[in-house]
């Protein structure tokens, strides 16, 4: 779903659609899979429900897992989108912050949706 892009990010493409919730979400099993593959160290017991920090356009979003979201879809509250989206969902380029960069963005409060 994501491939190495730079020192700070992975690159991927997801369908982006507006969402009525209060925070950005993706399908729970895919969220946990990406979290396990790209955010865990493999040492000890680690959480798989930490938010993934994705960059959509110029905005960083803290993405959580949620049931009922379509495959390969990033569902974003309309208030967090830089532009209005029309149906059907658009396939968009998304950057996923690498674990250390994501931690910095969350700590600085730069990721919307925490």
C-alpha atoms as a PDB file:
ATOM      1  CA  UNK A   1       0.000   0.000   0.000  1.00  0.00           C
ATOM      2  CA  UNK A   2       2.965   2.321   0.762  1.00  0.00           C
ATOM      3  CA  UNK A   3       6.511   2.392  -0.591  1.00  0.00           C
ATOM      4  CA  UNK A   4       9.626   4.289   0.555  1.00  0.00           C
ATOM      5  CA  UNK A   5       9.671   7.872  -0.738  1.00  0.00           C
ATOM      6  CA  UNK A   6      12.093   9.976   1.337  1.00  0.00           C
ATOM      7  CA  UNK A   7      13.809  10.022   4.725  1.00  0.00           C
ATOM      8  CA  UNK A   8      10.581  11.182   6.361  1.00  0.00           C
ATOM      9  CA  UNK A   9       7.772   9.658   4.268  1.00  0.00           C
ATOM     10  CA  UNK A  10       6.342   6.645   2.483  1.00  0.00           C
ATOM     11  CA  UNK A  11       4.278   7.190  -0.685  1.00  0.00           C
ATOM     12  CA  UNK A  12       0.918   5.643  -1.497  1.00  0.00           C
ATOM     13  CA  UNK A  13      -2.367   6.167  -3.304  1.00  0.00           C
ATOM     14  CA  UNK A  14      -5.688   5.951  -1.519  1.00  0.00           C
ATOM     15  CA  UNK A  15      -9.250   6.800  -2.402  1.00  0.00           C
ATOM     16  CA  UNK A  16     -10.140   9.943  -0.483  1.00  0.00           C
ATOM     17  CA  UNK A  17     -13.746  10.612   0.411  1.00  0.00           C
ATOM     18  CA  UNK A  18     -15.584  13.025   2.710  1.00  0.00           C
ATOM     19  CA  UNK A  19     -16.647  11.560   6.042  1.00  0.00           C
ATOM     20  CA  UNK A  20     -19.246  12.584   8.633  1.00  0.00           C
ATOM     21  CA  UNK A  21     -17.029  11.611  11.572  1.00  0.00           C
ATOM     22  CA  UNK A  22     -14.841  13.910  13.649  1.00  0.00           C
ATOM     23  CA  UNK A  23     -11.424  12.506  12.690  1.00  0.00           C
ATOM     24  CA  UNK A  24      -9.752  10.945   9.623  1.00  0.00           C
ATOM     25  CA  UNK A  25     -10.116   7.156   9.400  1.00  0.00           C
ATOM     26  CA  UNK A  26      -9.302   4.156   7.238  1.00  0.00           C
ATOM     27  CA  UNK A  27     -10.450   0.529   7.401  1.00  0.00           C
ATOM     28  CA  UNK A  28      -9.406  -0.904  10.780  1.00  0.00           C
ATOM     29  CA  UNK A  29      -7.626  -4.034   9.509  1.00  0.00           C
ATOM     30  CA  UNK A  30      -5.630  -2.024   6.951  1.00  0.00           C
ATOM     31  CA  UNK A  31      -4.777   0.573   9.608  1.00  0.00           C
ATOM     32  CA  UNK A  32      -3.435  -2.156  11.914  1.00  0.00           C
ATOM     33  CA  UNK A  33      -1.522  -3.827   9.066  1.00  0.00           C
ATOM     34  CA  UNK A  34       0.206  -0.581   8.029  1.00  0.00           C
ATOM     35  CA  UNK A  35       0.879   0.238  11.689  1.00  0.00           C
ATOM     36  CA  UNK A  36       2.469  -3.179  12.240  1.00  0.00           C
ATOM     37  CA  UNK A  37       4.549  -3.093   9.040  1.00  0.00           C
ATOM     38  CA  UNK A  38       5.774   0.501   9.181  1.00  0.00           C
ATOM     39  CA  UNK A  39       5.423   1.871  12.732  1.00  0.00           C
ATOM     40  CA  UNK A  40       6.437  -0.942  15.074  1.00  0.00           C
ATOM     41  CA  UNK A  41       9.993  -1.844  16.014  1.00  0.00           C
ATOM     42  CA  UNK A  42       9.410  -5.580  16.434  1.00  0.00           C
ATOM     43  CA  UNK A  43      10.626  -5.470  20.038  1.00  0.00           C
ATOM     44  CA  UNK A  44       8.198  -6.463  22.775  1.00  0.00           C
ATOM     45  CA  UNK A  45       4.468  -5.857  22.753  1.00  0.00           C
ATOM     46  CA  UNK A  46       3.493  -2.795  20.728  1.00  0.00           C
ATOM     47  CA  UNK A  47       0.195  -1.045  20.098  1.00  0.00           C
ATOM     48  CA  UNK A  48      -1.319  -1.287  16.628  1.00  0.00           C
ATOM     49  CA  UNK A  49      -3.987   1.367  17.179  1.00  0.00           C
ATOM     50  CA  UNK A  50      -1.726   4.423  17.247  1.00  0.00           C
ATOM     51  CA  UNK A  51      -2.747   6.973  14.613  1.00  0.00           C
ATOM     52  CA  UNK A  52      -0.956   6.907  11.276  1.00  0.00           C
ATOM     53  CA  UNK A  53       0.169  10.391  10.267  1.00  0.00           C
ATOM     54  CA  UNK A  54      -0.602  11.053   6.602  1.00  0.00           C
ATOM     55  CA  UNK A  55      -0.009  14.151   4.538  1.00  0.00           C
ATOM     56  CA  UNK A  56      -2.809  14.981   2.126  1.00  0.00           C
ATOM     57  CA  UNK A  57      -1.991  18.092   0.134  1.00  0.00           C
ATOM     58  CA  UNK A  58      -0.315  20.413   2.624  1.00  0.00           C
ATOM     59  CA  UNK A  59      -2.100  19.117   5.734  1.00  0.00           C
ATOM     60  CA  UNK A  60      -1.003  16.382   8.141  1.00  0.00           C
ATOM     61  CA  UNK A  61      -3.788  14.123   9.407  1.00  0.00           C
ATOM     62  CA  UNK A  62      -3.767  11.665  12.308  1.00  0.00           C
ATOM     63  CA  UNK A  63      -5.587   8.678  10.785  1.00  0.00           C
ATOM     64  CA  UNK A  64      -7.357   6.137  13.005  1.00  0.00           C
ATOM     65  CA  UNK A  65      -8.843   2.698  12.286  1.00  0.00           C
ATOM     66  CA  UNK A  66     -12.602   2.341  11.880  1.00  0.00           C
ATOM     67  CA  UNK A  67     -14.989  -0.454  10.890  1.00  0.00           C
ATOM     68  CA  UNK A  68     -17.120  -0.050   7.781  1.00  0.00           C
ATOM     69  CA  UNK A  69     -14.665   1.997   5.703  1.00  0.00           C
ATOM     70  CA  UNK A  70     -14.104   0.746   2.118  1.00  0.00           C
ATOM     71  CA  UNK A  71     -10.821  -0.905   1.108  1.00  0.00           C
ATOM     72  CA  UNK A  72      -7.880   1.458   0.382  1.00  0.00           C
ATOM     73  CA  UNK A  73      -9.932   4.503   1.409  1.00  0.00           C
ATOM     74  CA  UNK A  74      -9.000   7.490   3.529  1.00  0.00           C
ATOM     75  CA  UNK A  75     -12.201   9.003   4.931  1.00  0.00           C
ATOM     76  CA  UNK A  76     -11.685  12.622   5.995  1.00  0.00           C
ATOM     77  CA  UNK A  77     -14.107  15.041   7.676  1.00  0.00           C
ATOM     78  CA  UNK A  78     -15.041  17.732   5.157  1.00  0.00           C
ATOM     79  CA  UNK A  79     -13.755  20.428   7.530  1.00  0.00           C
ATOM     80  CA  UNK A  80     -10.244  18.936   7.277  1.00  0.00           C
ATOM     81  CA  UNK A  81     -10.175  18.743   3.479  1.00  0.00           C
ATOM     82  CA  UNK A  82      -8.467  21.498   1.512  1.00  0.00           C
ATOM     83  CA  UNK A  83     -10.986  21.161  -1.305  1.00  0.00           C
ATOM     84  CA  UNK A  84     -14.492  19.833  -1.768  1.00  0.00           C
ATOM     85  CA  UNK A  85     -14.583  16.267  -3.051  1.00  0.00           C
ATOM     86  CA  UNK A  86     -17.250  14.908  -5.330  1.00  0.00           C
ATOM     87  CA  UNK A  87     -18.529  11.346  -5.548  1.00  0.00           C
ATOM     88  CA  UNK A  88     -17.140   8.906  -6.473  1.00  0.00           C
ATOM     89  CA  UNK A  89     -14.064   8.998  -4.214  1.00  0.00           C
ATOM     90  CA  UNK A  90     -10.894  10.301  -5.876  1.00  0.00           C
ATOM     91  CA  UNK A  91      -7.673   8.265  -6.019  1.00  0.00           C
ATOM     92  CA  UNK A  92      -5.115  10.628  -4.482  1.00  0.00           C
ATOM     93  CA  UNK A  93      -1.421  10.604  -3.674  1.00  0.00           C
ATOM     94  CA  UNK A  94      -0.831  10.383   0.075  1.00  0.00           C
ATOM     95  CA  UNK A  95       2.394  10.591   2.067  1.00  0.00           C
ATOM     96  CA  UNK A  96       2.653   8.498   5.233  1.00  0.00           C
ATOM     97  CA  UNK A  97       5.084   9.922   7.766  1.00  0.00           C
ATOM     98  CA  UNK A  98       7.687   7.422   8.953  1.00  0.00           C
ATOM     99  CA  UNK A  99       7.411   6.486  12.641  1.00  0.00           C
ATOM    100  CA  UNK A 100       9.982   8.932  14.026  1.00  0.00           C
ATOM    101  CA  UNK A 101       8.689  11.830  11.915  1.00  0.00           C
ATOM    102  CA  UNK A 102       5.081  10.950  12.821  1.00  0.00           C
ATOM    103  CA  UNK A 103       5.951  11.054  16.534  1.00  0.00           C
ATOM    104  CA  UNK A 104       7.464  14.534  16.089  1.00  0.00           C
ATOM    105  CA  UNK A 105       4.410  15.806  14.193  1.00  0.00           C
ATOM    106  CA  UNK A 106       2.038  14.467  16.853  1.00  0.00           C
ATOM    107  CA  UNK A 107       4.155  15.922  19.661  1.00  0.00           C
ATOM    108  CA  UNK A 108       4.184  19.336  17.943  1.00  0.00           C
ATOM    109  CA  UNK A 109       0.403  19.172  17.447  1.00  0.00           C
ATOM    110  CA  UNK A 110       0.805  19.406  13.678  1.00  0.00           C
ATOM    111  CA  UNK A 111      -1.450  16.430  12.864  1.00  0.00           C
ATOM    112  CA  UNK A 112      -5.196  17.191  12.756  1.00  0.00           C
ATOM    113  CA  UNK A 113      -7.533  14.549  14.163  1.00  0.00           C
ATOM    114  CA  UNK A 114      -5.678  13.408  17.293  1.00  0.00           C
END
